[in-house]
Amino acid sequence: MSKINRRRFIHISSAALSLGLLSPKAFALAKNSNKIGVALLGLGYYSRDLLAPALQLTKHCELRGIITGSPHKIPAWQAKYGIKDSNVYSYSTMHNIANNPDIDVIYVVTPPFTHKTFSVAAANAGKHVWCEKPMAMTVEECTAIKAACDKNKVALSIGYRMMHEPNTRQIAANIKSSQLGNVVDMQSDSGYAGNGTSADNWRMHRDQGGGALYDMGVYCINGTRFISSMEPIAVTASHEMQHAKFIHADDTTNMTLEFPHGIIAKCRTSVVKGYNQLKVNCQNGWYQLKPMQSYSGVVASDSNGMSIAAFKGNQQSNQMDNDALAIMGKGSFLTGFEDGMRDIHIIQKVLESAATGKRVLI
């Protein structure tokens, strides 16, 4: 994701916001192509080092366009991926993408506080929307994205790659079939031992989606929801802001999620402490994903001695191929508005609990 602050975002997004006044174009796949044309919006780390390389491995997608607020990045991207001049856009010209049949999907890969504006702009341009997690900052923003996609008859998918990851899906299926009995409790930990970044970077500001909860905590929340097929009903939470650089965002958040039938999920998330696992205790044994959210190496195991080796493919290419097939009508979307919105709803309740020190109903 590119380095971006609120003042710069307000400046560059004014044109995108005006797209709501435009009439949507009917969506059509690129002519004479059996692949989905993808434009990456935002050319920071995740696009540069993970999504763009992953698109070279996909069977049903192609990287055909870029949208950026950093013109100096364009030559390197064009040289590396052969992107045509006509498929290069700035944030202020992206409305012209509505007339470009090469592009079928806009993948929004910018800081979370920009997701609503850019996702709505993409939908109003008549393009399917893939939005990186977390979906947005508030439930209201999530709802606005969904409304724009519905209005323009385009698909919406959220970048929850772990909901596509084969071992994670297998453990969820085993739990759903009650192979080891009903779920008793869960432990979900997602964090990395970082050291913060510059004070003006969005990652250091909670109101821009920075800090542990929005960035890494969504793995804990989504993981327990997905793996158990249940929704939490209450939360008790607390923040840690012990690292000297973290003044305006949490460096660590601890959560206790309460699920129906007395099931408790203990969750930890951090951007200064490293932990990475999801364990589910059942009546007759346990399941574990360790690590549970890494880009590779996710191993599944259980108390009966089962061990499933890590998926050998690329997680991001697997995710994007699945979403491309769904757009083509050859598969189902594995994640979308409901998952993105519910996780943000829970995050808002976690923030309320941490601020008040009280148990909060979800």
Foldseek 3Di string as FASTA:
>chain_A
DDFDFDVRCVVLLPLLQVLVVDAEDAADAAPPDQAAEEEEEECDDCVPPAQQVLQVVFDRYHDAAYEEQDVVCPVVVCVVRVHDPVRYYYSNRCLVCLVPNNHAEYEYDDFQQCQLSVLLSCLSSLHAYEYEPLNHQALVSLVSSVVSNVSSVHHFFYPPLLLLFVQLVVLLVCQVVQVQAHWAEKEFEWEDADQDDDLRGLLLAVSRQHEWCRPTVLCRQLSVCRSRVWHFWKKAKAFDDPRPSRDRYGQKMWMWTATPPRYIYTYITGHRDDDAKMKIAHPRWIKIWVRRDDQWFTWIDIPVGDIDTIDPGGSSSSQVNQVSCVNVVNHNRSGGSVSSSSSSVVSVNNVVNNVVVDMGTD
